[in-house]
N, C-alpha and C. Protein backbone atom coordinates (compact mmCIF):
# COMPACT_ATOMS: atom_id res chain seq x y z
N MET A 1 156.33 -28.32 57.12
CA MET A 1 157.66 -27.92 57.36
C MET A 1 158.44 -27.96 56.04
N SER A 2 159.59 -27.39 56.04
CA SER A 2 160.37 -27.39 54.82
C SER A 2 161.86 -27.54 55.16
N THR A 3 162.59 -27.92 54.14
CA THR A 3 164.07 -27.92 54.22
C THR A 3 164.59 -27.02 53.12
N ARG A 4 165.70 -26.38 53.40
CA ARG A 4 166.33 -25.53 52.41
C ARG A 4 167.86 -25.83 52.43
N GLY A 5 168.37 -26.08 51.21
CA GLY A 5 169.79 -26.32 51.07
C GLY A 5 170.54 -25.09 50.64
N ARG A 6 171.80 -25.23 50.26
CA ARG A 6 172.60 -24.09 49.79
C ARG A 6 172.11 -23.53 48.49
N ASN A 7 171.70 -24.41 47.61
CA ASN A 7 171.21 -23.99 46.29
C ASN A 7 169.69 -23.82 46.35
N GLU A 8 169.21 -22.90 45.59
CA GLU A 8 167.79 -22.56 45.59
C GLU A 8 166.89 -23.77 45.34
N GLY A 9 167.24 -24.63 44.46
CA GLY A 9 166.41 -25.79 44.11
C GLY A 9 166.55 -26.99 45.05
N ASP A 10 167.36 -26.86 46.09
CA ASP A 10 167.61 -28.01 47.00
C ASP A 10 166.64 -28.15 48.11
N GLY A 11 165.60 -27.35 48.16
CA GLY A 11 164.65 -27.41 49.27
C GLY A 11 163.49 -28.31 48.97
N GLU A 12 162.81 -28.72 50.03
CA GLU A 12 161.60 -29.51 49.91
C GLU A 12 160.56 -28.98 50.91
N ARG A 13 159.30 -29.16 50.60
CA ARG A 13 158.22 -28.75 51.49
C ARG A 13 157.33 -29.94 51.77
N TYR A 14 156.96 -30.09 53.03
CA TYR A 14 156.10 -31.17 53.46
C TYR A 14 154.88 -30.58 54.14
N ASN A 15 153.70 -30.99 53.67
CA ASN A 15 152.43 -30.49 54.22
C ASN A 15 151.71 -31.58 54.96
N ALA A 16 151.03 -31.21 56.01
CA ALA A 16 150.22 -32.16 56.74
C ALA A 16 149.01 -32.56 55.92
N THR A 17 148.50 -33.74 56.16
CA THR A 17 147.29 -34.15 55.48
C THR A 17 146.09 -33.64 56.26
N PRO A 18 144.99 -33.36 55.57
CA PRO A 18 143.80 -32.85 56.27
C PRO A 18 143.28 -33.84 57.29
N GLY A 19 142.68 -33.27 58.34
CA GLY A 19 142.12 -34.09 59.39
C GLY A 19 142.80 -33.83 60.71
N ASP A 20 142.09 -34.08 61.79
CA ASP A 20 142.61 -33.88 63.10
C ASP A 20 142.24 -35.14 63.91
N LEU A 21 143.22 -35.96 64.23
CA LEU A 21 142.94 -37.23 64.91
C LEU A 21 142.27 -37.04 66.26
N ILE A 22 142.52 -35.91 66.90
CA ILE A 22 141.88 -35.66 68.21
C ILE A 22 140.75 -34.67 68.13
N GLU A 23 140.32 -34.38 66.90
CA GLU A 23 139.12 -33.61 66.63
C GLU A 23 139.04 -32.28 67.40
N GLY A 24 140.16 -31.54 67.37
CA GLY A 24 140.17 -30.22 67.95
C GLY A 24 140.29 -30.12 69.46
N LEU A 25 140.48 -31.27 70.11
CA LEU A 25 140.70 -31.23 71.58
C LEU A 25 141.94 -30.43 71.91
N PRO A 26 141.99 -29.82 73.07
CA PRO A 26 143.19 -29.08 73.44
C PRO A 26 144.43 -29.97 73.45
N LEU A 27 145.57 -29.38 73.06
CA LEU A 27 146.80 -30.15 72.95
C LEU A 27 147.93 -29.36 73.58
N VAL A 28 148.69 -30.01 74.45
CA VAL A 28 149.89 -29.41 75.06
C VAL A 28 151.05 -30.28 74.67
N VAL A 29 152.16 -29.62 74.21
CA VAL A 29 153.39 -30.32 73.86
C VAL A 29 154.45 -29.92 74.85
N LEU A 30 155.08 -30.91 75.47
CA LEU A 30 156.17 -30.64 76.39
C LEU A 30 157.51 -30.73 75.64
N ILE A 31 158.37 -29.69 75.80
CA ILE A 31 159.70 -29.73 75.25
C ILE A 31 160.72 -29.30 76.28
N ASN A 32 161.97 -29.69 76.02
CA ASN A 32 163.09 -29.25 76.87
C ASN A 32 164.38 -29.41 76.04
N GLY A 33 165.50 -29.27 76.68
CA GLY A 33 166.79 -29.37 75.96
C GLY A 33 167.02 -30.73 75.36
N GLY A 34 166.28 -31.75 75.75
CA GLY A 34 166.40 -33.07 75.14
C GLY A 34 165.54 -33.21 73.88
N SER A 35 164.72 -32.24 73.57
CA SER A 35 163.87 -32.31 72.39
C SER A 35 164.70 -31.78 71.22
N ALA A 36 164.94 -32.66 70.24
CA ALA A 36 165.84 -32.28 69.16
C ALA A 36 165.30 -32.77 67.81
N SER A 37 165.67 -32.05 66.76
CA SER A 37 165.43 -32.43 65.37
C SER A 37 163.94 -32.58 65.07
N ALA A 38 163.50 -33.81 64.77
CA ALA A 38 162.11 -34.03 64.34
C ALA A 38 161.09 -33.58 65.41
N SER A 39 161.40 -33.84 66.69
CA SER A 39 160.45 -33.41 67.72
C SER A 39 160.33 -31.90 67.78
N GLU A 40 161.42 -31.19 67.51
CA GLU A 40 161.40 -29.72 67.46
C GLU A 40 160.55 -29.24 66.29
N ILE A 41 160.67 -29.87 65.17
CA ILE A 41 159.89 -29.49 64.00
C ILE A 41 158.39 -29.68 64.27
N VAL A 42 158.04 -30.83 64.90
CA VAL A 42 156.64 -31.08 65.20
C VAL A 42 156.13 -30.01 66.19
N ALA A 43 156.89 -29.76 67.26
CA ALA A 43 156.48 -28.72 68.23
C ALA A 43 156.34 -27.36 67.55
N GLY A 44 157.33 -26.99 66.70
CA GLY A 44 157.28 -25.73 66.04
C GLY A 44 156.12 -25.61 65.04
N ALA A 45 155.80 -26.68 64.36
CA ALA A 45 154.67 -26.67 63.43
C ALA A 45 153.34 -26.51 64.17
N LEU A 46 153.17 -27.25 65.24
CA LEU A 46 151.95 -27.12 66.02
C LEU A 46 151.82 -25.70 66.63
N GLN A 47 152.94 -25.18 67.05
CA GLN A 47 152.97 -23.80 67.57
C GLN A 47 152.64 -22.79 66.50
N ASP A 48 153.25 -22.92 65.31
CA ASP A 48 152.98 -21.99 64.21
C ASP A 48 151.52 -21.98 63.81
N HIS A 49 150.88 -23.13 63.85
CA HIS A 49 149.51 -23.26 63.45
C HIS A 49 148.51 -23.05 64.60
N HIS A 50 149.04 -22.62 65.74
CA HIS A 50 148.20 -22.38 66.94
C HIS A 50 147.34 -23.58 67.29
N ARG A 51 147.92 -24.75 67.12
CA ARG A 51 147.18 -26.01 67.39
C ARG A 51 147.51 -26.58 68.75
N ALA A 52 148.65 -26.13 69.34
CA ALA A 52 149.04 -26.65 70.63
C ALA A 52 149.69 -25.53 71.44
N VAL A 53 149.63 -25.70 72.74
CA VAL A 53 150.41 -24.84 73.65
C VAL A 53 151.67 -25.59 73.94
N VAL A 54 152.82 -24.96 73.65
CA VAL A 54 154.13 -25.57 73.88
C VAL A 54 154.61 -25.12 75.27
N VAL A 55 154.91 -26.12 76.10
CA VAL A 55 155.23 -25.88 77.50
C VAL A 55 156.58 -26.53 77.82
N GLY A 56 157.39 -25.89 78.63
CA GLY A 56 158.65 -26.45 79.13
C GLY A 56 159.79 -25.46 78.99
N THR A 57 160.90 -25.94 78.50
CA THR A 57 162.07 -25.07 78.31
C THR A 57 162.50 -25.16 76.87
N ASN A 58 163.41 -24.28 76.46
CA ASN A 58 163.86 -24.21 75.08
C ASN A 58 164.38 -25.56 74.60
N SER A 59 164.06 -25.92 73.39
CA SER A 59 164.53 -27.18 72.83
C SER A 59 165.99 -27.09 72.42
N PHE A 60 166.53 -28.17 71.96
CA PHE A 60 167.98 -28.32 71.69
C PHE A 60 168.51 -27.42 70.58
N GLY A 61 167.80 -27.29 69.51
CA GLY A 61 168.23 -26.44 68.41
C GLY A 61 168.93 -27.16 67.26
N LYS A 62 168.61 -28.46 67.07
CA LYS A 62 169.21 -29.20 65.98
C LYS A 62 168.30 -29.12 64.77
N GLY A 63 168.54 -28.13 63.96
CA GLY A 63 167.72 -27.91 62.80
C GLY A 63 168.41 -28.24 61.51
N SER A 64 169.40 -29.10 61.55
CA SER A 64 170.13 -29.43 60.33
C SER A 64 169.76 -30.82 59.84
N VAL A 65 169.82 -30.97 58.53
CA VAL A 65 169.52 -32.24 57.86
C VAL A 65 170.85 -32.85 57.39
N GLN A 66 171.10 -34.09 57.76
CA GLN A 66 172.31 -34.73 57.30
C GLN A 66 171.97 -35.78 56.23
N SER A 67 172.86 -35.88 55.28
CA SER A 67 172.74 -36.91 54.26
C SER A 67 174.00 -37.77 54.30
N VAL A 68 173.81 -39.04 54.10
CA VAL A 68 174.97 -39.96 54.06
C VAL A 68 175.44 -40.07 52.62
N MET A 69 176.70 -39.74 52.38
CA MET A 69 177.28 -39.80 51.04
C MET A 69 178.33 -40.92 51.00
N PRO A 70 178.20 -41.82 50.06
CA PRO A 70 179.21 -42.89 49.92
C PRO A 70 180.53 -42.31 49.49
N VAL A 71 181.59 -42.87 49.99
CA VAL A 71 182.93 -42.47 49.58
C VAL A 71 183.63 -43.73 49.03
N GLN A 72 184.73 -43.52 48.37
CA GLN A 72 185.45 -44.60 47.73
C GLN A 72 185.71 -45.74 48.73
N GLY A 73 185.56 -46.94 48.26
CA GLY A 73 185.76 -48.10 49.13
C GLY A 73 184.44 -48.44 49.80
N ASP A 74 184.47 -48.86 51.04
CA ASP A 74 183.29 -49.25 51.78
C ASP A 74 182.84 -48.16 52.76
N GLY A 75 183.31 -46.96 52.59
CA GLY A 75 183.00 -45.90 53.59
C GLY A 75 181.83 -45.03 53.19
N ALA A 76 181.49 -44.17 54.10
CA ALA A 76 180.46 -43.17 53.87
C ALA A 76 180.77 -41.96 54.75
N MET A 77 180.22 -40.84 54.34
CA MET A 77 180.44 -39.64 55.10
C MET A 77 179.09 -38.95 55.28
N ARG A 78 178.88 -38.45 56.49
CA ARG A 78 177.62 -37.74 56.76
C ARG A 78 177.88 -36.26 56.62
N LEU A 79 177.12 -35.62 55.73
CA LEU A 79 177.26 -34.20 55.47
C LEU A 79 175.96 -33.47 55.79
N THR A 80 176.10 -32.27 56.36
CA THR A 80 174.95 -31.40 56.54
C THR A 80 174.59 -30.83 55.19
N THR A 81 173.38 -31.10 54.74
CA THR A 81 173.00 -30.66 53.38
C THR A 81 171.91 -29.60 53.35
N SER A 82 171.16 -29.45 54.44
CA SER A 82 170.10 -28.43 54.47
C SER A 82 169.69 -28.15 55.90
N LEU A 83 168.77 -27.20 56.07
CA LEU A 83 168.24 -26.86 57.38
C LEU A 83 166.73 -27.05 57.37
N TYR A 84 166.20 -27.41 58.55
CA TYR A 84 164.77 -27.52 58.75
C TYR A 84 164.16 -26.12 59.03
N TYR A 85 162.94 -25.93 58.54
CA TYR A 85 162.20 -24.70 58.83
C TYR A 85 160.78 -25.08 59.23
N THR A 86 160.23 -24.33 60.21
CA THR A 86 158.83 -24.54 60.60
C THR A 86 157.94 -23.97 59.49
N PRO A 87 156.65 -24.24 59.54
CA PRO A 87 155.74 -23.73 58.50
C PRO A 87 155.78 -22.21 58.31
N SER A 88 156.07 -21.46 59.38
CA SER A 88 156.11 -20.01 59.24
C SER A 88 157.44 -19.52 58.68
N GLY A 89 158.38 -20.46 58.46
CA GLY A 89 159.68 -20.08 57.89
C GLY A 89 160.77 -19.88 58.95
N ARG A 90 160.52 -20.25 60.17
CA ARG A 90 161.54 -20.13 61.26
C ARG A 90 162.55 -21.26 61.14
N SER A 91 163.84 -20.91 61.16
CA SER A 91 164.86 -21.92 61.28
C SER A 91 165.05 -22.19 62.75
N ILE A 92 165.12 -23.47 63.16
CA ILE A 92 165.36 -23.76 64.56
C ILE A 92 166.84 -24.03 64.84
N GLN A 93 167.69 -23.98 63.81
CA GLN A 93 169.10 -24.28 63.97
C GLN A 93 169.73 -23.36 65.00
N ALA A 94 170.31 -23.95 66.01
CA ALA A 94 171.04 -23.29 67.09
C ALA A 94 170.13 -22.43 67.99
N LEU A 95 168.87 -22.29 67.63
CA LEU A 95 167.94 -21.49 68.44
C LEU A 95 166.96 -22.38 69.20
N GLY A 96 166.54 -23.43 68.55
CA GLY A 96 165.53 -24.29 69.15
C GLY A 96 164.17 -23.65 69.03
N VAL A 97 163.21 -24.27 69.70
CA VAL A 97 161.86 -23.78 69.78
C VAL A 97 161.66 -23.24 71.19
N ALA A 98 161.20 -22.03 71.30
CA ALA A 98 160.91 -21.42 72.60
C ALA A 98 159.50 -21.78 72.99
N PRO A 99 159.29 -22.23 74.23
CA PRO A 99 157.96 -22.61 74.66
C PRO A 99 157.03 -21.38 74.77
N ASP A 100 155.75 -21.62 74.60
CA ASP A 100 154.76 -20.58 74.80
C ASP A 100 154.70 -20.27 76.32
N ILE A 101 154.83 -21.29 77.14
CA ILE A 101 154.84 -21.12 78.58
C ILE A 101 156.12 -21.78 79.11
N LEU A 102 156.97 -20.97 79.70
CA LEU A 102 158.25 -21.45 80.24
C LEU A 102 157.99 -22.11 81.58
N VAL A 103 158.34 -23.39 81.70
CA VAL A 103 158.16 -24.14 82.93
C VAL A 103 159.45 -24.94 83.13
N GLU A 104 160.24 -24.56 84.10
CA GLU A 104 161.46 -25.32 84.40
C GLU A 104 161.09 -26.60 85.17
N GLN A 105 161.78 -27.67 84.91
CA GLN A 105 161.57 -28.91 85.69
C GLN A 105 162.17 -28.66 87.07
N ARG A 106 161.51 -29.12 88.09
CA ARG A 106 162.01 -28.97 89.43
C ARG A 106 162.60 -30.30 89.90
N ASP A 107 163.60 -30.18 90.74
CA ASP A 107 164.12 -31.38 91.41
C ASP A 107 163.07 -31.85 92.40
N ILE A 108 163.06 -33.12 92.68
CA ILE A 108 162.04 -33.68 93.55
C ILE A 108 162.04 -32.97 94.92
N GLY A 109 163.21 -32.62 95.44
CA GLY A 109 163.30 -31.94 96.73
C GLY A 109 162.80 -30.54 96.73
N GLU A 110 162.66 -29.92 95.54
CA GLU A 110 162.24 -28.53 95.46
C GLU A 110 160.72 -28.31 95.61
N VAL A 111 159.96 -29.37 95.42
CA VAL A 111 158.49 -29.22 95.49
C VAL A 111 158.12 -29.07 96.94
N GLU A 112 157.34 -28.04 97.22
CA GLU A 112 156.99 -27.73 98.59
C GLU A 112 155.95 -28.73 99.12
N GLU A 113 156.18 -29.13 100.35
CA GLU A 113 155.23 -30.00 101.02
C GLU A 113 154.13 -29.15 101.64
N PRO A 114 152.89 -29.63 101.65
CA PRO A 114 151.85 -28.87 102.32
C PRO A 114 152.15 -28.71 103.81
N LEU A 115 151.67 -27.63 104.39
CA LEU A 115 151.95 -27.31 105.79
C LEU A 115 151.06 -28.09 106.75
N GLY A 116 150.16 -28.86 106.27
CA GLY A 116 149.23 -29.59 107.12
C GLY A 116 147.82 -29.45 106.57
N PRO A 117 146.87 -29.96 107.32
CA PRO A 117 145.50 -29.86 106.81
C PRO A 117 145.06 -28.41 106.72
N ALA A 118 144.34 -28.11 105.69
CA ALA A 118 143.85 -26.75 105.45
C ALA A 118 142.74 -26.45 106.48
N ARG A 119 142.72 -25.19 106.88
CA ARG A 119 141.66 -24.77 107.79
C ARG A 119 140.45 -24.42 106.96
N THR A 120 139.35 -25.06 107.23
CA THR A 120 138.12 -24.84 106.45
C THR A 120 136.95 -24.62 107.42
N GLU A 121 135.85 -24.26 106.89
CA GLU A 121 134.60 -24.11 107.68
C GLU A 121 134.28 -25.38 108.45
N ALA A 122 134.45 -26.51 107.75
CA ALA A 122 134.11 -27.81 108.34
C ALA A 122 135.02 -28.14 109.53
N SER A 123 136.21 -27.57 109.60
CA SER A 123 137.14 -27.89 110.67
C SER A 123 136.88 -27.06 111.93
N LEU A 124 136.00 -26.08 111.84
CA LEU A 124 135.72 -25.21 113.01
C LEU A 124 134.77 -25.89 114.00
N ARG A 125 134.96 -25.60 115.28
CA ARG A 125 134.09 -26.16 116.32
C ARG A 125 132.70 -25.60 116.11
N GLY A 126 131.74 -26.46 116.12
CA GLY A 126 130.35 -26.03 116.01
C GLY A 126 129.88 -25.74 114.57
N ALA A 127 130.69 -26.13 113.57
CA ALA A 127 130.31 -25.87 112.18
C ALA A 127 129.11 -26.66 111.78
N LEU A 128 128.33 -26.08 110.92
CA LEU A 128 127.15 -26.80 110.38
C LEU A 128 127.64 -27.79 109.33
N SER A 129 127.03 -28.96 109.30
CA SER A 129 127.38 -29.93 108.27
C SER A 129 126.51 -29.67 107.05
N ASN A 130 126.89 -30.28 105.95
CA ASN A 130 126.12 -30.17 104.70
C ASN A 130 125.37 -31.47 104.47
N SER A 131 124.09 -31.43 104.70
CA SER A 131 123.29 -32.66 104.55
C SER A 131 122.50 -32.66 103.24
N THR A 132 122.85 -31.74 102.33
CA THR A 132 122.08 -31.64 101.10
C THR A 132 122.66 -32.48 99.99
N LEU A 133 123.81 -33.09 100.19
CA LEU A 133 124.49 -33.83 99.09
C LEU A 133 123.95 -35.27 99.01
N THR A 134 123.75 -35.68 97.79
CA THR A 134 123.32 -37.07 97.53
C THR A 134 124.54 -37.96 97.60
N GLU A 135 124.31 -39.27 97.60
CA GLU A 135 125.42 -40.23 97.62
C GLU A 135 126.27 -40.06 96.37
N ASP A 136 125.65 -39.83 95.22
CA ASP A 136 126.39 -39.64 93.95
C ASP A 136 127.27 -38.39 94.05
N GLN A 137 126.73 -37.33 94.63
CA GLN A 137 127.54 -36.08 94.75
C GLN A 137 128.69 -36.29 95.71
N LEU A 138 128.46 -37.01 96.80
CA LEU A 138 129.54 -37.31 97.76
C LEU A 138 130.63 -38.15 97.11
N ARG A 139 130.19 -39.15 96.30
CA ARG A 139 131.16 -40.00 95.61
C ARG A 139 132.00 -39.17 94.61
N LEU A 140 131.33 -38.24 93.87
CA LEU A 140 132.00 -37.38 92.93
C LEU A 140 133.02 -36.49 93.66
N LEU A 141 132.64 -35.92 94.78
CA LEU A 141 133.59 -35.09 95.56
C LEU A 141 134.80 -35.91 95.99
N GLN A 142 134.56 -37.15 96.43
CA GLN A 142 135.67 -38.00 96.84
C GLN A 142 136.59 -38.30 95.67
N GLU A 143 136.03 -38.56 94.50
CA GLU A 143 136.84 -38.81 93.28
C GLU A 143 137.67 -37.58 92.92
N GLU A 144 137.07 -36.42 93.04
CA GLU A 144 137.80 -35.15 92.74
C GLU A 144 138.95 -34.97 93.74
N ARG A 145 138.74 -35.28 94.99
CA ARG A 145 139.79 -35.19 96.00
C ARG A 145 140.93 -36.15 95.70
N GLU A 146 140.58 -37.35 95.28
CA GLU A 146 141.60 -38.36 94.93
C GLU A 146 142.40 -37.93 93.71
N GLN A 147 141.71 -37.32 92.70
CA GLN A 147 142.41 -36.78 91.53
C GLN A 147 143.37 -35.67 91.92
N ALA A 148 142.92 -34.79 92.79
CA ALA A 148 143.80 -33.68 93.26
C ALA A 148 145.01 -34.23 94.01
N GLN A 149 144.81 -35.28 94.80
CA GLN A 149 145.95 -35.91 95.50
C GLN A 149 146.92 -36.54 94.52
N ALA A 150 146.39 -37.20 93.50
CA ALA A 150 147.25 -37.82 92.50
C ALA A 150 148.03 -36.77 91.75
N MET A 151 147.41 -35.61 91.44
CA MET A 151 148.14 -34.51 90.77
C MET A 151 149.23 -33.98 91.67
N ALA A 152 148.97 -33.88 92.97
CA ALA A 152 150.01 -33.40 93.90
C ALA A 152 151.20 -34.37 93.92
N GLU A 153 150.91 -35.64 93.87
CA GLU A 153 151.99 -36.62 93.82
C GLU A 153 152.75 -36.55 92.52
N LEU A 154 152.04 -36.38 91.41
CA LEU A 154 152.66 -36.24 90.09
C LEU A 154 153.53 -34.98 90.06
N ARG A 155 153.06 -33.90 90.62
CA ARG A 155 153.79 -32.64 90.66
C ARG A 155 155.14 -32.85 91.33
N ALA A 156 155.18 -33.69 92.35
CA ALA A 156 156.44 -33.98 93.07
C ALA A 156 157.39 -34.81 92.20
N GLN A 157 156.81 -35.64 91.29
CA GLN A 157 157.63 -36.49 90.41
C GLN A 157 158.00 -35.83 89.09
N ASP A 158 157.08 -35.11 88.47
CA ASP A 158 157.32 -34.49 87.15
C ASP A 158 156.54 -33.19 87.07
N TYR A 159 157.16 -32.11 87.52
CA TYR A 159 156.48 -30.82 87.60
C TYR A 159 155.97 -30.35 86.25
N GLN A 160 156.80 -30.50 85.17
CA GLN A 160 156.37 -30.04 83.87
C GLN A 160 155.13 -30.78 83.37
N LEU A 161 155.09 -32.09 83.53
CA LEU A 161 153.94 -32.88 83.09
C LEU A 161 152.69 -32.45 83.86
N ALA A 162 152.81 -32.28 85.18
CA ALA A 162 151.67 -31.86 85.99
C ALA A 162 151.19 -30.48 85.53
N TYR A 163 152.10 -29.59 85.18
CA TYR A 163 151.75 -28.25 84.72
C TYR A 163 150.98 -28.37 83.38
N ALA A 164 151.47 -29.21 82.49
CA ALA A 164 150.78 -29.41 81.20
C ALA A 164 149.38 -29.96 81.39
N ILE A 165 149.22 -30.89 82.32
CA ILE A 165 147.86 -31.44 82.57
C ILE A 165 146.98 -30.35 83.16
N ASP A 166 147.53 -29.50 84.03
CA ASP A 166 146.75 -28.37 84.56
C ASP A 166 146.24 -27.47 83.41
N ILE A 167 147.10 -27.21 82.46
CA ILE A 167 146.72 -26.38 81.31
C ILE A 167 145.59 -27.05 80.51
N LEU A 168 145.68 -28.34 80.28
CA LEU A 168 144.61 -29.05 79.57
C LEU A 168 143.30 -28.97 80.33
N HIS A 169 143.36 -29.14 81.64
CA HIS A 169 142.12 -29.01 82.46
C HIS A 169 141.56 -27.60 82.29
N GLY A 170 142.41 -26.58 82.32
CA GLY A 170 141.94 -25.22 82.16
C GLY A 170 141.33 -24.99 80.79
N LEU A 171 141.96 -25.52 79.75
CA LEU A 171 141.41 -25.33 78.39
C LEU A 171 140.09 -26.06 78.26
N ARG A 172 139.99 -27.24 78.88
CA ARG A 172 138.75 -28.00 78.80
C ARG A 172 137.61 -27.24 79.51
N ALA A 173 137.94 -26.56 80.59
CA ALA A 173 136.91 -25.80 81.32
C ALA A 173 136.39 -24.65 80.50
N LEU A 174 137.14 -24.13 79.56
CA LEU A 174 136.76 -23.04 78.72
C LEU A 174 135.91 -23.45 77.52
N ARG A 175 135.95 -24.70 77.18
CA ARG A 175 135.20 -25.20 76.01
C ARG A 175 133.72 -25.14 76.24
N PRO A 176 132.95 -24.73 75.19
CA PRO A 176 131.49 -24.73 75.35
C PRO A 176 130.98 -26.17 75.54
N ARG A 177 129.95 -26.30 76.31
CA ARG A 177 129.39 -27.66 76.56
C ARG A 177 128.22 -27.93 75.71
């Protein structure tokens, strides 16, 4: 990222150090109107470098750098001295960072409740059972059901976070094994 002031020589550039702490694993960054300043620069930098999928709503748009200047006596004054820019040269001032995938947060009451148990082959009268599964496979299926139920509960509490986790699961499914 960089900062640029009014005068040509007043800017600074900051580069990331080599290495990836999560070794290329998929990354989703959640942003919204409460994401401001440094968090916007991080989201914008990851977005510019195609390192993360940015999900949520537009960020706040605080792309200004303030400096504290001493004044006569015991006082100080905070002045805007420069603007932040993402690595690609985008200023976020008053614009914010736009998400790659727009996901509005839902109120808890807005999340739809399921209509009841799903109708499946197993629920039909006279359906054949599946006796080919091992105990380990049955245990794995039960764990997957429990994870799906936990995601449904999370979706009711934090829709954006659940959406981001869904994206990570999708990206993980696309990775070569």
